[in-house]
Amino acid sequence: MNFEEIIENTIRKVVREELARHKNDIVTAQPSKNDNSKYGDVGWLCKFLGVEKQTVYGYNSARKYPFTKKGKKVMYNKEEIKKLIESNRIQSADEIKKHAFQDFTKHRTKKAG
């Protein structure tokens, strides 16, 4: 075996080992077959929120987001999570000014009338 063959075989071996080592990561990173399901798992919530698994587990401990357990598997109602996120929405400065102006004119009209 010449030097090039040794290098090529070594690279193939290392790539195979790395692929085997990260097989679970690769499989879980793929979208689920049924993306329209009502519930998402920890991986779904990680992707949805853009956080790591440890962060989601911390949220679970703090009961930040509602979840259901089926055996050891934690599931999140996708619509419930989306509504919860939207309900914590912070208004923009323009929205605050608009509402303040509306409230001001509303109260001013009541006092004048």
PDB file of N, CA and C in Angstrom:
ATOM      1  N   MET A   1       0.838  -1.167   0.000  1.00  0.00           N
ATOM      2  CA  MET A   1       0.000   0.000   0.000  1.00  0.00           C
ATOM      3  C   MET A   1       0.895   1.246   0.000  1.00  0.00           C
ATOM      4  N   ASN A   2       0.614   2.164  -0.915  1.00  0.00           N
ATOM      5  CA  ASN A   2       1.422   3.377  -0.963  1.00  0.00           C
ATOM      6  C   ASN A   2       0.863   4.443  -0.014  1.00  0.00           C
ATOM      7  N   PHE A   3       1.553   5.533   0.090  1.00  0.00           N
ATOM      8  CA  PHE A   3       1.209   6.605   1.034  1.00  0.00           C
ATOM      9  C   PHE A   3      -0.185   7.180   0.762  1.00  0.00           C
ATOM     10  N   GLU A   4      -0.528   7.403  -0.517  1.00  0.00           N
ATOM     11  CA  GLU A   4      -1.835   7.967  -0.883  1.00  0.00           C
ATOM     12  C   GLU A   4      -2.978   7.036  -0.467  1.00  0.00           C
ATOM     13  N   GLU A   5      -2.811   5.746  -0.649  1.00  0.00           N
ATOM     14  CA  GLU A   5      -3.839   4.775  -0.257  1.00  0.00           C
ATOM     15  C   GLU A   5      -4.016   4.755   1.265  1.00  0.00           C
ATOM     16  N   ILE A   6      -2.910   4.858   1.978  1.00  0.00           N
ATOM     17  CA  ILE A   6      -2.971   4.891   3.450  1.00  0.00           C
ATOM     18  C   ILE A   6      -3.757   6.119   3.913  1.00  0.00           C
ATOM     19  N   ILE A   7      -3.453   7.261   3.312  1.00  0.00           N
ATOM     20  CA  ILE A   7      -4.162   8.508   3.669  1.00  0.00           C
ATOM     21  C   ILE A   7      -5.643   8.384   3.331  1.00  0.00           C
ATOM     22  N   GLU A   8      -5.948   7.881   2.138  1.00  0.00           N
ATOM     23  CA  GLU A   8      -7.335   7.729   1.706  1.00  0.00           C
ATOM     24  C   GLU A   8      -8.103   6.795   2.641  1.00  0.00           C
ATOM     25  N   ASN A   9      -7.528   5.671   2.988  1.00  0.00           N
ATOM     26  CA  ASN A   9      -8.181   4.726   3.901  1.00  0.00           C
ATOM     27  C   ASN A   9      -8.371   5.326   5.290  1.00  0.00           C
ATOM     28  N   THR A  10      -7.389   6.070   5.741  1.00  0.00           N
ATOM     29  CA  THR A  10      -7.490   6.721   7.050  1.00  0.00           C
ATOM     30  C   THR A  10      -8.619   7.741   7.054  1.00  0.00           C
ATOM     31  N   ILE A  11      -8.705   8.535   6.007  1.00  0.00           N
ATOM     32  CA  ILE A  11      -9.782   9.538   5.915  1.00  0.00           C
ATOM     33  C   ILE A  11     -11.137   8.861   5.888  1.00  0.00           C
ATOM     34  N   ARG A  12     -11.278   7.812   5.099  1.00  0.00           N
ATOM     35  CA  ARG A  12     -12.551   7.081   5.046  1.00  0.00           C
ATOM     36  C   ARG A  12     -12.929   6.522   6.415  1.00  0.00           C
ATOM     37  N   LYS A  13     -11.955   5.977   7.108  1.00  0.00           N
ATOM     38  CA  LYS A  13     -12.197   5.406   8.429  1.00  0.00           C
ATOM     39  C   LYS A  13     -12.660   6.493   9.406  1.00  0.00           C
ATOM     40  N   VAL A  14     -11.987   7.622   9.397  1.00  0.00           N
ATOM     41  CA  VAL A  14     -12.343   8.725  10.300  1.00  0.00           C
ATOM     42  C   VAL A  14     -13.744   9.257   9.976  1.00  0.00           C
ATOM     43  N   VAL A  15     -14.047   9.413   8.709  1.00  0.00           N
ATOM     44  CA  VAL A  15     -15.374   9.895   8.298  1.00  0.00           C
ATOM     45  C   VAL A  15     -16.454   8.912   8.744  1.00  0.00           C
ATOM     46  N   ARG A  16     -16.227   7.606   8.522  1.00  0.00           N
ATOM     47  CA  ARG A  16     -17.189   6.592   8.967  1.00  0.00           C
ATOM     48  C   ARG A  16     -17.418   6.654  10.468  1.00  0.00           C
ATOM     49  N   GLU A  17     -16.335   6.774  11.227  1.00  0.00           N
ATOM     50  CA  GLU A  17     -16.441   6.842  12.684  1.00  0.00           C
ATOM     51  C   GLU A  17     -17.214   8.084  13.128  1.00  0.00           C
ATOM     52  N   GLU A  18     -16.939   9.217  12.508  1.00  0.00           N
ATOM     53  CA  GLU A  18     -17.625  10.460  12.863  1.00  0.00           C
ATOM     54  C   GLU A  18     -19.107  10.398  12.506  1.00  0.00           C
ATOM     55  N   LEU A  19     -19.413   9.828  11.333  1.00  0.00           N
ATOM     56  CA  LEU A  19     -20.815   9.672  10.946  1.00  0.00           C
ATOM     57  C   LEU A  19     -21.548   8.759  11.922  1.00  0.00           C
ATOM     58  N   ALA A  20     -20.920   7.680  12.313  1.00  0.00           N
ATOM     59  CA  ALA A  20     -21.531   6.760  13.272  1.00  0.00           C
ATOM     60  C   ALA A  20     -21.735   7.450  14.614  1.00  0.00           C
ATOM     61  N   ARG A  21     -20.773   8.238  15.021  1.00  0.00           N
ATOM     62  CA  ARG A  21     -20.854   8.931  16.307  1.00  0.00           C
ATOM     63  C   ARG A  21     -21.972   9.969  16.328  1.00  0.00           C
ATOM     64  N   HIS A  22     -22.218  10.600  15.195  1.00  0.00           N
ATOM     65  CA  HIS A  22     -23.232  11.658  15.123  1.00  0.00           C
ATOM     66  C   HIS A  22     -24.526  11.204  14.459  1.00  0.00           C
ATOM     67  N   LYS A  23     -24.692   9.917  14.312  1.00  0.00           N
ATOM     68  CA  LYS A  23     -25.872   9.379  13.633  1.00  0.00           C
ATOM     69  C   LYS A  23     -27.164   9.858  14.289  1.00  0.00           C
ATOM     70  N   ASN A  24     -27.247   9.799  15.604  1.00  0.00           N
ATOM     71  CA  ASN A  24     -28.465  10.223  16.300  1.00  0.00           C
ATOM     72  C   ASN A  24     -28.751  11.696  16.084  1.00  0.00           C
ATOM     73  N   ASP A  25     -27.718  12.533  16.077  1.00  0.00           N
ATOM     74  CA  ASP A  25     -27.902  13.960  15.834  1.00  0.00           C
ATOM     75  C   ASP A  25     -28.452  14.203  14.439  1.00  0.00           C
ATOM     76  N   ILE A  26     -27.943  13.486  13.477  1.00  0.00           N
ATOM     77  CA  ILE A  26     -28.377  13.649  12.097  1.00  0.00           C
ATOM     78  C   ILE A  26     -29.817  13.201  11.931  1.00  0.00           C
ATOM     79  N   VAL A  27     -30.182  12.088  12.541  1.00  0.00           N
ATOM     80  CA  VAL A  27     -31.546  11.566  12.436  1.00  0.00           C
ATOM     81  C   VAL A  27     -32.535  12.507  13.102  1.00  0.00           C
ATOM     82  N   THR A  28     -32.227  13.030  14.296  1.00  0.00           N
ATOM     83  CA  THR A  28     -33.169  13.902  14.993  1.00  0.00           C
ATOM     84  C   THR A  28     -33.257  15.278  14.366  1.00  0.00           C
ATOM     85  N   ALA A  29     -32.257  15.686  13.577  1.00  0.00           N
ATOM     86  CA  ALA A  29     -32.291  17.001  12.947  1.00  0.00           C
ATOM     87  C   ALA A  29     -33.205  17.032  11.728  1.00  0.00           C
ATOM     88  N   GLN A  30     -33.586  15.864  11.223  1.00  0.00           N
ATOM     89  CA  GLN A  30     -34.456  15.818  10.061  1.00  0.00           C
ATOM     90  C   GLN A  30     -35.883  16.140  10.468  1.00  0.00           C
ATOM     91  N   PRO A  31     -36.626  16.843   9.597  1.00  0.00           N
ATOM     92  CA  PRO A  31     -38.011  17.149   9.938  1.00  0.00           C
ATOM     93  C   PRO A  31     -38.831  15.874  10.061  1.00  0.00           C
ATOM     94  N   SER A  32     -39.806  15.902  10.950  1.00  0.00           N
ATOM     95  CA  SER A  32     -40.632  14.712  11.132  1.00  0.00           C
ATOM     96  C   SER A  32     -41.498  14.498   9.903  1.00  0.00           C
ATOM     97  N   LYS A  33     -41.904  13.262   9.694  1.00  0.00           N
ATOM     98  CA  LYS A  33     -42.713  12.928   8.525  1.00  0.00           C
ATOM     99  C   LYS A  33     -44.065  13.618   8.587  1.00  0.00           C
ATOM    100  N   ASN A  34     -44.583  13.789   9.809  1.00  0.00           N
ATOM    101  CA  ASN A  34     -45.893  14.404   9.984  1.00  0.00           C
ATOM    102  C   ASN A  34     -45.718  15.782  10.619  1.00  0.00           C
ATOM    103  N   ASP A  35     -45.313  16.764   9.820  1.00  0.00           N
ATOM    104  CA  ASP A  35     -45.088  18.114  10.332  1.00  0.00           C
ATOM    105  C   ASP A  35     -46.391  18.791  10.746  1.00  0.00           C
ATOM    106  N   ASN A  36     -47.520  18.262  10.324  1.00  0.00           N
ATOM    107  CA  ASN A  36     -48.810  18.858  10.653  1.00  0.00           C
ATOM    108  C   ASN A  36     -49.394  18.304  11.949  1.00  0.00           C
ATOM    109  N   SER A  37     -48.598  17.572  12.717  1.00  0.00           N
ATOM    110  CA  SER A  37     -49.121  16.994  13.952  1.00  0.00           C
ATOM    111  C   SER A  37     -49.423  18.104  14.961  1.00  0.00           C
ATOM    112  N   LYS A  38     -50.308  17.793  15.871  1.00  0.00           N
ATOM    113  CA  LYS A  38     -50.748  18.760  16.882  1.00  0.00           C
ATOM    114  C   LYS A  38     -49.662  19.013  17.922  1.00  0.00           C
ATOM    115  N   TYR A  39     -48.807  18.024  18.153  1.00  0.00           N
ATOM    116  CA  TYR A  39     -47.793  18.122  19.192  1.00  0.00           C
ATOM    117  C   TYR A  39     -46.387  18.100  18.622  1.00  0.00           C
ATOM    118  N   GLY A  40     -45.485  18.787  19.310  1.00  0.00           N
ATOM    119  CA  GLY A  40     -44.080  18.771  18.962  1.00  0.00           C
ATOM    120  C   GLY A  40     -43.270  18.261  20.136  1.00  0.00           C
ATOM    121  N   ASP A  41     -42.104  17.724  19.866  1.00  0.00           N
ATOM    122  CA  ASP A  41     -41.253  17.217  20.942  1.00  0.00           C
ATOM    123  C   ASP A  41     -40.229  18.277  21.341  1.00  0.00           C
ATOM    124  N   VAL A  42     -39.284  17.902  22.178  1.00  0.00           N
ATOM    125  CA  VAL A  42     -38.257  18.833  22.648  1.00  0.00           C
ATOM    126  C   VAL A  42     -37.479  19.418  21.464  1.00  0.00           C
ATOM    127  N   GLY A  43     -37.164  18.574  20.484  1.00  0.00           N
ATOM    128  CA  GLY A  43     -36.456  19.043  19.297  1.00  0.00           C
ATOM    129  C   GLY A  43     -37.238  20.113  18.548  1.00  0.00           C
ATOM    130  N   TRP A  44     -38.547  19.915  18.444  1.00  0.00           N
ATOM    131  CA  TRP A  44     -39.397  20.898  17.778  1.00  0.00           C
ATOM    132  C   TRP A  44     -39.352  22.231  18.517  1.00  0.00           C
ATOM    133  N   LEU A  45     -39.478  22.185  19.858  1.00  0.00           N
ATOM    134  CA  LEU A  45     -39.476  23.426  20.630  1.00  0.00           C
ATOM    135  C   LEU A  45     -38.119  24.130  20.531  1.00  0.00           C
ATOM    136  N   CYS A  46     -37.040  23.354  20.513  1.00  0.00           N
ATOM    137  CA  CYS A  46     -35.703  23.934  20.341  1.00  0.00           C
ATOM    138  C   CYS A  46     -35.627  24.712  19.035  1.00  0.00           C
ATOM    139  N   LYS A  47     -36.082  24.093  17.961  1.00  0.00           N
ATOM    140  CA  LYS A  47     -36.050  24.751  16.651  1.00  0.00           C
ATOM    141  C   LYS A  47     -36.974  25.959  16.632  1.00  0.00           C
ATOM    142  N   PHE A  48     -38.160  25.820  17.202  1.00  0.00           N
ATOM    143  CA  PHE A  48     -39.158  26.897  17.198  1.00  0.00           C
ATOM    144  C   PHE A  48     -38.652  28.121  17.952  1.00  0.00           C
ATOM    145  N   LEU A  49     -38.024  27.888  19.118  1.00  0.00           N
ATOM    146  CA  LEU A  49     -37.533  28.988  19.940  1.00  0.00           C
ATOM    147  C   LEU A  49     -36.107  29.404  19.590  1.00  0.00           C
ATOM    148  N   GLY A  50     -35.392  28.529  18.885  1.00  0.00           N
ATOM    149  CA  GLY A  50     -34.002  28.816  18.546  1.00  0.00           C
ATOM    150  C   GLY A  50     -33.072  28.703  19.742  1.00  0.00           C
ATOM    151  N   VAL A  51     -33.324  27.689  20.583  1.00  0.00           N
ATOM    152  CA  VAL A  51     -32.504  27.477  21.779  1.00  0.00           C
ATOM    153  C   VAL A  51     -32.000  26.039  21.822  1.00  0.00           C
ATOM    154  N   GLU A  52     -31.070  25.774  22.728  1.00  0.00           N
ATOM    155  CA  GLU A  52     -30.507  24.429  22.902  1.00  0.00           C
ATOM    156  C   GLU A  52     -31.427  23.576  23.776  1.00  0.00           C
ATOM    157  N   LYS A  53     -31.213  22.265  23.729  1.00  0.00           N
ATOM    158  CA  LYS A  53     -32.031  21.337  24.523  1.00  0.00           C
ATOM    159  C   LYS A  53     -31.951  21.639  26.019  1.00  0.00           C
ATOM    160  N   GLN A  54     -30.749  21.943  26.508  1.00  0.00           N
ATOM    161  CA  GLN A  54     -30.596  22.231  27.939  1.00  0.00           C
ATOM    162  C   GLN A  54     -31.477  23.398  28.358  1.00  0.00           C
ATOM    163  N   THR A  55     -31.611  24.394  27.486  1.00  0.00           N
ATOM    164  CA  THR A  55     -32.461  25.546  27.777  1.00  0.00           C
ATOM    165  C   THR A  55     -33.913  25.108  27.897  1.00  0.00           C
ATOM    166  N   VAL A  56     -34.359  24.255  26.980  1.00  0.00           N
ATOM    167  CA  VAL A  56     -35.742  23.757  27.028  1.00  0.00           C
ATOM    168  C   VAL A  56     -35.968  22.945  28.295  1.00  0.00           C
ATOM    169  N   TYR A  57     -34.995  22.116  28.677  1.00  0.00           N
ATOM    170  CA  TYR A  57     -35.139  21.344  29.906  1.00  0.00           C
ATOM    171  C   TYR A  57     -35.229  22.277  31.116  1.00  0.00           C
ATOM    172  N   GLY A  58     -34.500  23.372  31.079  1.00  0.00           N
ATOM    173  CA  GLY A  58     -34.601  24.376  32.145  1.00  0.00           C
ATOM    174  C   GLY A  58     -35.982  25.012  32.163  1.00  0.00           C
ATOM    175  N   TYR A  59     -36.536  25.294  30.972  1.00  0.00           N
ATOM    176  CA  TYR A  59     -37.898  25.832  30.883  1.00  0.00           C
ATOM    177  C   TYR A  59     -38.900  24.843  31.464  1.00  0.00           C
ATOM    178  N   ASN A  60     -38.690  23.552  31.192  1.00  0.00           N
ATOM    179  CA  ASN A  60     -39.592  22.536  31.729  1.00  0.00           C
ATOM    180  C   ASN A  60     -39.551  22.536  33.257  1.00  0.00           C
ATOM    181  N   SER A  61     -38.353  22.604  33.818  1.00  0.00           N
ATOM    182  CA  SER A  61     -38.211  22.617  35.279  1.00  0.00           C
ATOM    183  C   SER A  61     -38.877  23.834  35.888  1.00  0.00           C
ATOM    184  N   ALA A  62     -38.772  24.965  35.196  1.00  0.00           N
ATOM    185  CA  ALA A  62     -39.371  26.213  35.683  1.00  0.00           C
ATOM    186  C   ALA A  62     -40.848  26.322  35.312  1.00  0.00           C
ATOM    187  N   ARG A  63     -41.346  25.339  34.573  1.00  0.00           N
ATOM    188  CA  ARG A  63     -42.738  25.328  34.102  1.00  0.00           C
ATOM    189  C   ARG A  63     -43.062  26.581  33.284  1.00  0.00           C
ATOM    190  N   LYS A  64     -42.110  27.002  32.458  1.00  0.00           N
ATOM    191  CA  LYS A  64     -42.284  28.203  31.638  1.00  0.00           C
ATOM    192  C   LYS A  64     -43.281  27.961  30.516  1.00  0.00           C
ATOM    193  N   TYR A  65     -43.253  26.768  29.919  1.00  0.00           N
ATOM    194  CA  TYR A  65     -44.173  26.414  28.843  1.00  0.00           C
ATOM    195  C   TYR A  65     -44.923  25.154  29.230  1.00  0.00           C
ATOM    196  N   PRO A  66     -46.214  25.073  28.908  1.00  0.00           N
ATOM    197  CA  PRO A  66     -46.984  23.875  29.251  1.00  0.00           C
ATOM    198  C   PRO A  66     -46.546  22.686  28.398  1.00  0.00           C
ATOM    199  N   PHE A  67     -46.532  21.517  29.003  1.00  0.00           N
ATOM    200  CA  PHE A  67     -46.162  20.310  28.267  1.00  0.00           C
ATOM    201  C   PHE A  67     -46.929  19.123  28.801  1.00  0.00           C
ATOM    202  N   THR A  68     -46.919  18.070  28.010  1.00  0.00           N
ATOM    203  CA  THR A  68     -47.561  16.805  28.356  1.00  0.00           C
ATOM    204  C   THR A  68     -46.493  15.736  28.304  1.00  0.00           C
ATOM    205  N   LYS A  69     -46.581  14.769  29.192  1.00  0.00           N
ATOM    206  CA  LYS A  69     -45.617  13.669  29.166  1.00  0.00           C
ATOM    207  C   LYS A  69     -46.339  12.384  28.811  1.00  0.00           C
ATOM    208  N   LYS A  70     -45.728  11.653  27.907  1.00  0.00           N
ATOM    209  CA  LYS A  70     -46.213  10.324  27.568  1.00  0.00           C
ATOM    210  C   LYS A  70     -45.053   9.395  27.863  1.00  0.00           C
ATOM    211  N   GLY A  71     -45.105   8.750  29.014  1.00  0.00           N
ATOM    212  CA  GLY A  71     -43.951   7.981  29.479  1.00  0.00           C
ATOM    213  C   GLY A  71     -42.848   8.963  29.814  1.00  0.00           C
ATOM    214  N   LYS A  72     -41.708   8.820  29.188  1.00  0.00           N
ATOM    215  CA  LYS A  72     -40.603   9.756  29.408  1.00  0.00           C
ATOM    216  C   LYS A  72     -40.563  10.862  28.365  1.00  0.00           C
ATOM    217  N   LYS A  73     -41.384  10.733  27.334  1.00  0.00           N
ATOM    218  CA  LYS A  73     -41.361  11.691  26.228  1.00  0.00           C
ATOM    219  C   LYS A  73     -42.186  12.938  26.577  1.00  0.00           C
ATOM    220  N   VAL A  74     -41.580  14.104  26.390  1.00  0.00           N
ATOM    221  CA  VAL A  74     -42.236  15.383  26.656  1.00  0.00           C
ATOM    222  C   VAL A  74     -42.781  15.922  25.337  1.00  0.00           C
ATOM    223  N   MET A  75     -44.041  16.331  25.341  1.00  0.00           N
ATOM    224  CA  MET A  75     -44.694  16.833  24.138  1.00  0.00           C
ATOM    225  C   MET A  75     -45.298  18.204  24.416  1.00  0.00           C
ATOM    226  N   TYR A  76     -45.294  19.067  23.388  1.00  0.00           N
ATOM    227  CA  TYR A  76     -45.828  20.418  23.506  1.00  0.00           C
ATOM    228  C   TYR A  76     -46.919  20.611  22.469  1.00  0.00           C
ATOM    229  N   ASN A  77     -48.051  21.162  22.893  1.00  0.00           N
ATOM    230  CA  ASN A  77     -49.121  21.496  21.970  1.00  0.00           C
ATOM    231  C   ASN A  77     -48.655  22.709  21.164  1.00  0.00           C
ATOM    232  N   LYS A  78     -48.476  22.543  19.866  1.00  0.00           N
ATOM    233  CA  LYS A  78     -47.890  23.583  19.029  1.00  0.00           C
ATOM    234  C   LYS A  78     -48.709  24.877  19.057  1.00  0.00           C
ATOM    235  N   GLU A  79     -50.021  24.772  18.945  1.00  0.00           N
ATOM    236  CA  GLU A  79     -50.866  25.970  18.946  1.00  0.00           C
ATOM    237  C   GLU A  79     -50.802  26.687  20.292  1.00  0.00           C
ATOM    238  N   GLU A  80     -50.790  25.906  21.371  1.00  0.00           N
ATOM    239  CA  GLU A  80     -50.710  26.481  22.715  1.00  0.00           C
ATOM    240  C   GLU A  80     -49.409  27.262  22.894  1.00  0.00           C
ATOM    241  N   ILE A  81     -48.317  26.700  22.428  1.00  0.00           N
ATOM    242  CA  ILE A  81     -47.012  27.365  22.536  1.00  0.00           C
ATOM    243  C   ILE A  81     -47.010  28.645  21.710  1.00  0.00           C
ATOM    244  N   LYS A  82     -47.536  28.570  20.481  1.00  0.00           N
ATOM    245  CA  LYS A  82     -47.578  29.756  19.616  1.00  0.00           C
ATOM    246  C   LYS A  82     -48.420  30.863  20.248  1.00  0.00           C
ATOM    247  N   LYS A  83     -49.577  30.519  20.811  1.00  0.00           N
ATOM    248  CA  LYS A  83     -50.435  31.524  21.464  1.00  0.00           C
ATOM    249  C   LYS A  83     -49.734  32.135  22.665  1.00  0.00           C
ATOM    250  N   LEU A  84     -49.047  31.299  23.427  1.00  0.00           N
ATOM    251  CA  LEU A  84     -48.330  31.790  24.601  1.00  0.00           C
ATOM    252  C   LEU A  84     -47.235  32.768  24.196  1.00  0.00           C
ATOM    253  N   ILE A  85     -46.511  32.448  23.147  1.00  0.00           N
ATOM    254  CA  ILE A  85     -45.458  33.334  22.645  1.00  0.00           C
ATOM    255  C   ILE A  85     -46.077  34.659  22.199  1.00  0.00           C
ATOM    256  N   GLU A  86     -47.171  34.590  21.454  1.00  0.00           N
ATOM    257  CA  GLU A  86     -47.821  35.803  20.957  1.00  0.00           C
ATOM    258  C   GLU A  86     -48.395  36.640  22.087  1.00  0.00           C
ATOM    259  N   SER A  87     -48.870  36.002  23.149  1.00  0.00           N
ATOM    260  CA  SER A  87     -49.451  36.753  24.265  1.00  0.00           C
ATOM    261  C   SER A  87     -48.383  37.513  25.050  1.00  0.00           C
ATOM    262  N   ASN A  88     -47.127  37.122  24.914  1.00  0.00           N
ATOM    263  CA  ASN A  88     -46.028  37.816  25.584  1.00  0.00           C
ATOM    264  C   ASN A  88     -45.375  38.848  24.678  1.00  0.00           C
ATOM    265  N   ARG A  89     -46.053  39.185  23.606  1.00  0.00           N
ATOM    266  CA  ARG A  89     -45.530  40.143  22.632  1.00  0.00           C
ATOM    267  C   ARG A  89     -45.420  41.523  23.263  1.00  0.00           C
ATOM    268  N   ILE A  90     -44.327  42.204  22.996  1.00  0.00           N
ATOM    269  CA  ILE A  90     -44.114  43.555  23.500  1.00  0.00           C
ATOM    270  C   ILE A  90     -44.416  44.533  22.379  1.00  0.00           C
ATOM    271  N   GLN A  91     -45.221  45.521  22.688  1.00  0.00           N
ATOM    272  CA  GLN A  91     -45.617  46.488  21.679  1.00  0.00           C
ATOM    273  C   GLN A  91     -44.446  47.367  21.258  1.00  0.00           C
ATOM    274  N   SER A  92     -44.508  47.811  20.006  1.00  0.00           N
ATOM    275  CA  SER A  92     -43.498  48.736  19.512  1.00  0.00           C
ATOM    276  C   SER A  92     -43.789  50.127  20.073  1.00  0.00           C
ATOM    277  N   ALA A  93     -42.820  51.017  19.977  1.00  0.00           N
ATOM    278  CA  ALA A  93     -43.000  52.390  20.456  1.00  0.00           C
ATOM    279  C   ALA A  93     -44.149  53.067  19.717  1.00  0.00           C
ATOM    280  N   ASP A  94     -44.275  52.829  18.417  1.00  0.00           N
ATOM    281  CA  ASP A  94     -45.370  53.428  17.641  1.00  0.00           C
ATOM    282  C   ASP A  94     -46.731  52.932  18.114  1.00  0.00           C
ATOM    283  N   GLU A  95     -46.831  51.634  18.436  1.00  0.00           N
ATOM    284  CA  GLU A  95     -48.101  51.090  18.938  1.00  0.00           C
ATOM    285  C   GLU A  95     -48.462  51.704  20.283  1.00  0.00           C
ATOM    286  N   ILE A  96     -47.475  51.874  21.144  1.00  0.00           N
ATOM    287  CA  ILE A  96     -47.715  52.474  22.460  1.00  0.00           C
ATOM    288  C   ILE A  96     -48.205  53.910  22.295  1.00  0.00           C
ATOM    289  N   LYS A  97     -47.551  54.674  21.421  1.00  0.00           N
ATOM    290  CA  LYS A  97     -47.971  56.063  21.170  1.00  0.00           C
ATOM    291  C   LYS A  97     -49.387  56.111  20.625  1.00  0.00           C
ATOM    292  N   LYS A  98     -49.689  55.210  19.689  1.00  0.00           N
ATOM    293  CA  LYS A  98     -51.019  55.179  19.080  1.00  0.00           C
ATOM    294  C   LYS A  98     -52.093  54.901  20.133  1.00  0.00           C
ATOM    295  N   HIS A  99     -51.850  53.901  20.997  1.00  0.00           N
ATOM    296  CA  HIS A  99     -52.824  53.566  22.042  1.00  0.00           C
ATOM    297  C   HIS A  99     -52.938  54.680  23.073  1.00  0.00           C
ATOM    298  N   ALA A 100     -51.836  55.299  23.395  1.00  0.00           N
ATOM    299  CA  ALA A 100     -51.863  56.410  24.354  1.00  0.00           C
ATOM    300  C   ALA A 100     -52.689  57.565  23.791  1.00  0.00           C
ATOM    301  N   PHE A 101     -52.493  57.865  22.511  1.00  0.00           N
ATOM    302  CA  PHE A 101     -53.252  58.938  21.873  1.00  0.00           C
ATOM    303  C   PHE A 101     -54.735  58.598  21.842  1.00  0.00           C
ATOM    304  N   GLN A 102     -55.063  57.340  21.510  1.00  0.00           N
ATOM    305  CA  GLN A 102     -56.464  56.911  21.484  1.00  0.00           C
ATOM    306  C   GLN A 102     -57.097  57.029  22.866  1.00  0.00           C
ATOM    307  N   ASP A 103     -56.376  56.592  23.897  1.00  0.00           N
ATOM    308  CA  ASP A 103     -56.895  56.693  25.264  1.00  0.00           C
ATOM    309  C   ASP A 103     -57.069  58.151  25.675  1.00  0.00           C
ATOM    310  N   PHE A 104     -56.108  58.980  25.321  1.00  0.00           N
ATOM    311  CA  PHE A 104     -56.166  60.397  25.664  1.00  0.00           C
ATOM    312  C   PHE A 104     -57.382  61.061  25.025  1.00  0.00           C
ATOM    313  N   THR A 105     -57.581  60.818  23.724  1.00  0.00           N
ATOM    314  CA  THR A 105     -58.715  61.433  23.035  1.00  0.00           C
ATOM    315  C   THR A 105     -60.040  60.844  23.513  1.00  0.00           C
ATOM    316  N   LYS A 106     -60.031  59.596  23.894  1.00  0.00           N
ATOM    317  CA  LYS A 106     -61.251  58.935  24.392  1.00  0.00           C
ATOM    318  C   LYS A 106     -61.668  59.565  25.724  1.00  0.00           C
ATOM    319  N   HIS A 107     -60.714  59.746  26.645  1.00  0.00           N
ATOM    320  CA  HIS A 107     -61.024  60.338  27.954  1.00  0.00           C
ATOM    321  C   HIS A 107     -61.362  61.811  27.819  1.00  0.00           C
ATOM    322  N   ARG A 108     -60.709  62.483  26.918  1.00  0.00           N
ATOM    323  CA  ARG A 108     -60.944  63.902  26.715  1.00  0.00           C
ATOM    324  C   ARG A 108     -62.345  64.125  26.187  1.00  0.00           C
ATOM    325  N   THR A 109     -62.824  63.241  25.285  1.00  0.00           N
ATOM    326  CA  THR A 109     -64.157  63.333  24.730  1.00  0.00           C
ATOM    327  C   THR A 109     -65.208  63.098  25.795  1.00  0.00           C
ATOM    328  N   LYS A 110     -64.959  62.143  26.701  1.00  0.00           N
ATOM    329  CA  LYS A 110     -65.909  61.836  27.780  1.00  0.00           C
ATOM    330  C   LYS A 110     -66.058  63.022  28.722  1.00  0.00           C
ATOM    331  N   LYS A 111     -64.949  63.690  29.082  1.00  0.00           N
ATOM    332  CA  LYS A 111     -65.001  64.818  30.002  1.00  0.00           C
ATOM    333  C   LYS A 111     -65.678  66.019  29.381  1.00  0.00           C
ATOM    334  N   ALA A 112     -65.483  66.196  28.085  1.00  0.00           N
ATOM    335  CA  ALA A 112     -66.083  67.331  27.401  1.00  0.00           C
ATOM    336  C   ALA A 112     -67.583  67.142  27.225  1.00  0.00           C
ATOM    337  N   GLY A 113     -68.035  65.921  27.135  1.00  0.00           N
ATOM    338  CA  GLY A 113     -69.434  65.618  26.824  1.00  0.00           C
ATOM    339  C   GLY A 113     -70.235  65.484  28.017  1.00  0.00           C
TER     340      GLY A 113
END
